[in-house]
Amino acid sequence: MRLFASCFALFCASVAQAAEPLSDATVTAWRADGALHVEASFHIEVPASLAWQVMTDYDHMAKFVPKLRESRIVTADRGHLLVAQKGTASFAGFSHDWEMEREVTLEPESLIASRAVRGNVKRMEMETRFAPEGNGVRIRYRALTVPDFWIPPLIGPSLMKGQVTDQFTALAIEMQRRHREPAAARQ
């Protein structure tokens, strides 16, 4: 029991430290009806167009998102993509490799909707919405996942919350990096 408490305290400290670029971020995760659910929201002071570029940069995403080993666009056709990704999910000594292909529908600078069509999930649906707010953009994310592998019941929501927190922190850091970078260097 002490080991679990120590691991949990270490996890909470690492999430808090990693989430500094997302000072107003909220991430909630829960299990219901055999599925893992996640909702997240954060505000970042970058143009919506830049946030969009980072969030849809699937061919380079593995370079800046932790635990994402591969990411590539398989096909692209007028606002519809097929994206293949591989990564690892881990929490408190539990680790599992995942892979999936997802159909992605894009409504520029407004909505990214996707669903898994292959991989080691029975079902996955994700939605990311962008809304101008102040000098930046608010990003809201929702996901429903039914894994095709066993996740210990007490770990599942914490695993998803940690994974989403880490991913959005990395995406925010990349947004900030690109925002600070001179326009000429981005081309």
C-alpha atoms as a PDB file:
ATOM      1  CA  MET A   1       0.000   0.000   0.000  1.00  0.00           C
ATOM      2  CA  ARG A   2       2.874   2.374   0.787  1.00  0.00           C
ATOM      3  CA  LEU A   3       4.381   1.667  -2.629  1.00  0.00           C
ATOM      4  CA  PHE A   4       1.098   2.594  -4.328  1.00  0.00           C
ATOM      5  CA  ALA A   5       0.801   5.786  -2.251  1.00  0.00           C
ATOM      6  CA  SER A   6       4.389   6.736  -3.086  1.00  0.00           C
ATOM      7  CA  CYS A   7       3.875   6.076  -6.799  1.00  0.00           C
ATOM      8  CA  PHE A   8       0.639   8.054  -6.785  1.00  0.00           C
ATOM      9  CA  ALA A   9       2.282  11.017  -5.009  1.00  0.00           C
ATOM     10  CA  LEU A  10       5.162  10.925  -7.491  1.00  0.00           C
ATOM     11  CA  PHE A  11       2.685  10.816 -10.391  1.00  0.00           C
ATOM     12  CA  CYS A  12       0.726  13.794  -9.043  1.00  0.00           C
ATOM     13  CA  ALA A  13       3.917  15.816  -8.583  1.00  0.00           C
ATOM     14  CA  SER A  14       5.112  15.012 -12.111  1.00  0.00           C
ATOM     15  CA  VAL A  15       1.734  15.942 -13.633  1.00  0.00           C
ATOM     16  CA  ALA A  16       1.701  19.221 -11.719  1.00  0.00           C
ATOM     17  CA  GLN A  17       5.254  20.012 -12.836  1.00  0.00           C
ATOM     18  CA  ALA A  18       4.606  19.007 -16.463  1.00  0.00           C
ATOM     19  CA  ALA A  19       1.384  21.007 -16.643  1.00  0.00           C
ATOM     20  CA  GLU A  20       2.992  24.402 -15.908  1.00  0.00           C
ATOM     21  CA  PRO A  21       2.506  25.670 -19.513  1.00  0.00           C
ATOM     22  CA  LEU A  22      -1.206  24.940 -19.040  1.00  0.00           C
ATOM     23  CA  SER A  23      -1.936  26.973 -15.942  1.00  0.00           C
ATOM     24  CA  ASP A  24      -5.721  26.840 -16.390  1.00  0.00           C
ATOM     25  CA  ALA A  25      -5.939  23.289 -17.747  1.00  0.00           C
ATOM     26  CA  THR A  26      -8.576  20.881 -16.543  1.00  0.00           C
ATOM     27  CA  VAL A  27      -8.436  17.175 -17.286  1.00  0.00           C
ATOM     28  CA  THR A  28     -11.004  14.730 -15.956  1.00  0.00           C
ATOM     29  CA  ALA A  29     -11.193  11.015 -16.621  1.00  0.00           C
ATOM     30  CA  TRP A  30     -13.644   8.342 -15.546  1.00  0.00           C
ATOM     31  CA  ARG A  31     -14.850   4.865 -16.376  1.00  0.00           C
ATOM     32  CA  ALA A  32     -18.492   4.259 -17.306  1.00  0.00           C
ATOM     33  CA  ASP A  33     -20.301   1.489 -19.183  1.00  0.00           C
ATOM     34  CA  GLY A  34     -17.058  -0.336 -20.014  1.00  0.00           C
ATOM     35  CA  ALA A  35     -15.445   2.744 -21.567  1.00  0.00           C
ATOM     36  CA  LEU A  36     -12.829   5.232 -20.443  1.00  0.00           C
ATOM     37  CA  HIS A  37     -13.895   8.856 -20.860  1.00  0.00           C
ATOM     38  CA  VAL A  38     -11.693  11.952 -20.834  1.00  0.00           C
ATOM     39  CA  GLU A  39     -12.542  15.636 -21.046  1.00  0.00           C
ATOM     40  CA  ALA A  40      -9.889  18.342 -21.130  1.00  0.00           C
ATOM     41  CA  SER A  41      -9.763  22.074 -21.656  1.00  0.00           C
ATOM     42  CA  PHE A  42      -6.984  24.635 -21.776  1.00  0.00           C
ATOM     43  CA  HIS A  43      -6.356  28.178 -22.975  1.00  0.00           C
ATOM     44  CA  ILE A  44      -3.167  29.204 -24.727  1.00  0.00           C
ATOM     45  CA  GLU A  45      -2.139  32.624 -25.964  1.00  0.00           C
ATOM     46  CA  VAL A  46      -1.219  31.782 -29.544  1.00  0.00           C
ATOM     47  CA  PRO A  47      -3.211  32.422 -32.721  1.00  0.00           C
ATOM     48  CA  ALA A  48      -5.855  29.789 -33.444  1.00  0.00           C
ATOM     49  CA  SER A  49      -4.176  29.130 -36.797  1.00  0.00           C
ATOM     50  CA  LEU A  50      -0.927  28.188 -35.045  1.00  0.00           C
ATOM     51  CA  ALA A  51      -2.689  25.950 -32.504  1.00  0.00           C
ATOM     52  CA  TRP A  52      -4.439  24.273 -35.444  1.00  0.00           C
ATOM     53  CA  GLN A  53      -1.136  23.740 -37.291  1.00  0.00           C
ATOM     54  CA  VAL A  54       0.411  22.012 -34.272  1.00  0.00           C
ATOM     55  CA  MET A  55      -2.651  19.890 -33.460  1.00  0.00           C
ATOM     56  CA  THR A  56      -2.855  18.637 -37.062  1.00  0.00           C
ATOM     57  CA  ASP A  57       0.890  18.166 -37.679  1.00  0.00           C
ATOM     58  CA  TYR A  58       0.497  14.384 -37.641  1.00  0.00           C
ATOM     59  CA  ASP A  59       3.602  13.693 -39.752  1.00  0.00           C
ATOM     60  CA  HIS A  60       5.861  15.404 -37.162  1.00  0.00           C
ATOM     61  CA  MET A  61       3.885  14.797 -33.973  1.00  0.00           C
ATOM     62  CA  ALA A  62       6.105  11.943 -32.729  1.00  0.00           C
ATOM     63  CA  LYS A  63       8.971  14.459 -32.487  1.00  0.00           C
ATOM     64  CA  PHE A  64       7.259  16.522 -29.782  1.00  0.00           C
ATOM     65  CA  VAL A  65       4.580  14.344 -28.114  1.00  0.00           C
ATOM     66  CA  PRO A  66       5.936  12.001 -25.415  1.00  0.00           C
ATOM     67  CA  LYS A  67       5.311   8.268 -25.696  1.00  0.00           C
ATOM     68  CA  LEU A  68       4.193   8.664 -29.325  1.00  0.00           C
ATOM     69  CA  ARG A  69       6.678   6.579 -31.324  1.00  0.00           C
ATOM     70  CA  GLU A  70       5.170   6.947 -34.803  1.00  0.00           C
ATOM     71  CA  SER A  71       2.641   9.229 -36.425  1.00  0.00           C
ATOM     72  CA  ARG A  72       1.930   9.677 -40.106  1.00  0.00           C
ATOM     73  CA  ILE A  73      -0.807  10.633 -42.514  1.00  0.00           C
ATOM     74  CA  VAL A  74      -1.647   7.563 -44.633  1.00  0.00           C
ATOM     75  CA  THR A  75      -4.134   9.318 -46.928  1.00  0.00           C
ATOM     76  CA  ALA A  76      -5.542  12.829 -47.230  1.00  0.00           C
ATOM     77  CA  ASP A  77      -8.593  13.941 -49.176  1.00  0.00           C
ATOM     78  CA  ARG A  78     -10.317  17.347 -48.745  1.00  0.00           C
ATOM     79  CA  GLY A  79     -10.660  17.603 -44.989  1.00  0.00           C
ATOM     80  CA  HIS A  80     -10.505  13.845 -44.354  1.00  0.00           C
ATOM     81  CA  LEU A  81      -7.378  12.011 -43.248  1.00  0.00           C
ATOM     82  CA  LEU A  82      -6.373   8.498 -42.353  1.00  0.00           C
ATOM     83  CA  VAL A  83      -3.718   8.759 -39.628  1.00  0.00           C
ATOM     84  CA  ALA A  84      -1.593   5.864 -38.322  1.00  0.00           C
ATOM     85  CA  GLN A  85      -0.042   6.174 -34.862  1.00  0.00           C
ATOM     86  CA  LYS A  86       1.866   3.958 -32.402  1.00  0.00           C
ATOM     87  CA  GLY A  87       2.788   4.720 -28.832  1.00  0.00           C
ATOM     88  CA  THR A  88       2.953   3.567 -25.240  1.00  0.00           C
ATOM     89  CA  ALA A  89       0.601   4.246 -22.350  1.00  0.00           C
ATOM     90  CA  SER A  90       2.074   3.854 -18.872  1.00  0.00           C
ATOM     91  CA  PHE A  91       1.207   4.602 -15.266  1.00  0.00           C
ATOM     92  CA  ALA A  92       2.422   3.271 -11.905  1.00  0.00           C
ATOM     93  CA  GLY A  93       4.327   0.339 -13.361  1.00  0.00           C
ATOM     94  CA  PHE A  94       1.603  -0.562 -15.852  1.00  0.00           C
ATOM     95  CA  SER A  95       2.652  -0.108 -19.474  1.00  0.00           C
ATOM     96  CA  HIS A  96       1.043  -1.103 -22.748  1.00  0.00           C
ATOM     97  CA  ASP A  97       1.940  -0.430 -26.365  1.00  0.00           C
ATOM     98  CA  TRP A  98      -0.915   0.771 -28.536  1.00  0.00           C
ATOM     99  CA  GLU A  99      -1.434   1.324 -32.211  1.00  0.00           C
ATOM    100  CA  MET A 100      -4.309   2.577 -34.271  1.00  0.00           C
ATOM    101  CA  GLU A 101      -5.423   4.030 -37.526  1.00  0.00           C
ATOM    102  CA  ARG A 102      -8.007   6.771 -37.247  1.00  0.00           C
ATOM    103  CA  GLU A 103     -10.290   8.496 -39.661  1.00  0.00           C
ATOM    104  CA  VAL A 104      -9.941  12.214 -39.018  1.00  0.00           C
ATOM    105  CA  THR A 105     -12.391  14.883 -40.165  1.00  0.00           C
ATOM    106  CA  LEU A 106     -11.147  18.469 -40.158  1.00  0.00           C
ATOM    107  CA  GLU A 107     -13.091  21.717 -39.988  1.00  0.00           C
ATOM    108  CA  PRO A 108     -10.186  24.208 -40.150  1.00  0.00           C
ATOM    109  CA  GLU A 109      -9.459  26.066 -36.920  1.00  0.00           C
ATOM    110  CA  SER A 110     -12.733  24.800 -35.469  1.00  0.00           C
ATOM    111  CA  LEU A 111     -12.970  20.989 -35.071  1.00  0.00           C
ATOM    112  CA  ILE A 112     -10.905  17.820 -35.288  1.00  0.00           C
ATOM    113  CA  ALA A 113     -13.107  14.708 -35.029  1.00  0.00           C
ATOM    114  CA  SER A 114     -11.710  11.217 -35.265  1.00  0.00           C
ATOM    115  CA  ARG A 115     -12.550   7.591 -34.704  1.00  0.00           C
ATOM    116  CA  ALA A 116     -10.415   4.482 -34.668  1.00  0.00           C
ATOM    117  CA  VAL A 117     -10.854   2.157 -37.639  1.00  0.00           C
ATOM    118  CA  ARG A 118      -8.001  -0.294 -36.827  1.00  0.00           C
ATOM    119  CA  GLY A 119      -5.735  -1.071 -33.927  1.00  0.00           C
ATOM    120  CA  ASN A 120      -5.856  -2.451 -30.435  1.00  0.00           C
ATOM    121  CA  VAL A 121      -8.919  -0.527 -29.341  1.00  0.00           C
ATOM    122  CA  LYS A 122     -12.456  -1.785 -29.749  1.00  0.00           C
ATOM    123  CA  ARG A 123     -13.707   1.773 -29.994  1.00  0.00           C
ATOM    124  CA  MET A 124     -12.215   5.236 -29.821  1.00  0.00           C
ATOM    125  CA  GLU A 125     -13.878   8.523 -30.631  1.00  0.00           C
ATOM    126  CA  MET A 126     -12.197  11.888 -30.108  1.00  0.00           C
ATOM    127  CA  GLU A 127     -13.270  15.456 -30.633  1.00  0.00           C
ATOM    128  CA  THR A 128     -11.133  18.587 -30.277  1.00  0.00           C
ATOM    129  CA  ARG A 129     -12.765  22.008 -30.574  1.00  0.00           C
ATOM    130  CA  PHE A 130     -11.063  25.391 -30.963  1.00  0.00           C
ATOM    131  CA  ALA A 131     -12.653  28.680 -29.853  1.00  0.00           C
ATOM    132  CA  PRO A 132     -11.087  32.155 -29.865  1.00  0.00           C
ATOM    133  CA  GLU A 133     -10.691  33.472 -26.324  1.00  0.00           C
ATOM    134  CA  GLY A 134      -8.906  36.658 -25.283  1.00  0.00           C
ATOM    135  CA  ASN A 135      -5.527  36.852 -27.012  1.00  0.00           C
ATOM    136  CA  GLY A 136      -5.493  33.179 -27.842  1.00  0.00           C
ATOM    137  CA  VAL A 137      -7.582  30.079 -28.209  1.00  0.00           C
ATOM    138  CA  ARG A 138      -9.431  27.691 -25.902  1.00  0.00           C
ATOM    139  CA  ILE A 139      -9.008  24.043 -26.816  1.00  0.00           C
ATOM    140  CA  ARG A 140     -11.597  21.523 -25.586  1.00  0.00           C
ATOM    141  CA  TYR A 141     -11.083  17.791 -25.963  1.00  0.00           C
ATOM    142  CA  ARG A 142     -13.365  14.793 -25.392  1.00  0.00           C
ATOM    143  CA  ALA A 143     -12.561  11.132 -25.884  1.00  0.00           C
ATOM    144  CA  LEU A 144     -14.264   7.811 -25.367  1.00  0.00           C
ATOM    145  CA  THR A 145     -12.086   4.692 -25.470  1.00  0.00           C
ATOM    146  CA  VAL A 146     -12.872   1.003 -25.167  1.00  0.00           C
ATOM    147  CA  PRO A 147      -9.463  -0.690 -25.161  1.00  0.00           C
ATOM    148  CA  ASP A 148      -8.927  -4.117 -26.674  1.00  0.00           C
ATOM    149  CA  PHE A 149      -6.633  -4.992 -23.763  1.00  0.00           C
ATOM    150  CA  TRP A 150      -7.055  -5.188 -20.018  1.00  0.00           C
ATOM    151  CA  ILE A 151      -6.354  -2.076 -17.951  1.00  0.00           C
ATOM    152  CA  PRO A 152      -6.519  -2.481 -14.165  1.00  0.00           C
ATOM    153  CA  PRO A 153      -9.767  -0.821 -13.018  1.00  0.00           C
ATOM    154  CA  LEU A 154      -8.182   1.627 -10.583  1.00  0.00           C
ATOM    155  CA  ILE A 155      -5.477   2.615 -13.069  1.00  0.00           C
ATOM    156  CA  GLY A 156      -7.538   3.238 -16.225  1.00  0.00           C
ATOM    157  CA  PRO A 157      -8.840   6.752 -15.496  1.00  0.00           C
ATOM    158  CA  SER A 158      -5.503   7.835 -13.973  1.00  0.00           C
ATOM    159  CA  LEU A 159      -3.663   6.411 -16.980  1.00  0.00           C
ATOM    160  CA  MET A 160      -5.894   8.336 -19.398  1.00  0.00           C
ATOM    161  CA  LYS A 161      -5.709  11.553 -17.384  1.00  0.00           C
ATOM    162  CA  GLY A 162      -1.916  11.376 -17.225  1.00  0.00           C
ATOM    163  CA  GLN A 163      -1.600  10.518 -20.901  1.00  0.00           C
ATOM    164  CA  VAL A 164      -3.838  13.414 -21.989  1.00  0.00           C
ATOM    165  CA  THR A 165      -2.122  15.847 -19.587  1.00  0.00           C
ATOM    166  CA  ASP A 166       1.308  14.881 -20.951  1.00  0.00           C
ATOM    167  CA  GLN A 167       0.159  15.105 -24.564  1.00  0.00           C
ATOM    168  CA  PHE A 168      -1.523  18.492 -24.224  1.00  0.00           C
ATOM    169  CA  THR A 169       1.424  19.861 -22.253  1.00  0.00           C
ATOM    170  CA  ALA A 170       3.747  18.795 -25.077  1.00  0.00           C
ATOM    171  CA  LEU A 171       1.414  20.276 -27.701  1.00  0.00           C
ATOM    172  CA  ALA A 172       1.240  23.569 -25.760  1.00  0.00           C
ATOM    173  CA  ILE A 173       5.038  23.697 -25.462  1.00  0.00           C
ATOM    174  CA  GLU A 174       5.325  23.145 -29.230  1.00  0.00           C
ATOM    175  CA  MET A 175       2.720  25.875 -29.858  1.00  0.00           C
ATOM    176  CA  GLN A 176       4.673  28.282 -27.662  1.00  0.00           C
ATOM    177  CA  ARG A 177       7.963  27.322 -29.335  1.00  0.00           C
ATOM    178  CA  ARG A 178       6.548  27.936 -32.811  1.00  0.00           C
ATOM    179  CA  HIS A 179       4.930  31.179 -31.673  1.00  0.00           C
ATOM    180  CA  ARG A 180       8.280  32.529 -30.397  1.00  0.00           C
ATOM    181  CA  GLU A 181      10.122  31.356 -33.513  1.00  0.00           C
ATOM    182  CA  PRO A 182      10.529  34.024 -36.209  1.00  0.00           C
ATOM    183  CA  ALA A 183       8.197  33.506 -39.176  1.00  0.00           C
ATOM    184  CA  ALA A 184      11.143  33.155 -41.575  1.00  0.00           C
ATOM    185  CA  ALA A 185      12.533  30.201 -39.592  1.00  0.00           C
ATOM    186  CA  ARG A 186       9.202  28.332 -39.811  1.00  0.00           C
ATOM    187  CA  GLN A 187       9.278  28.141 -43.600  1.00  0.00           C
END
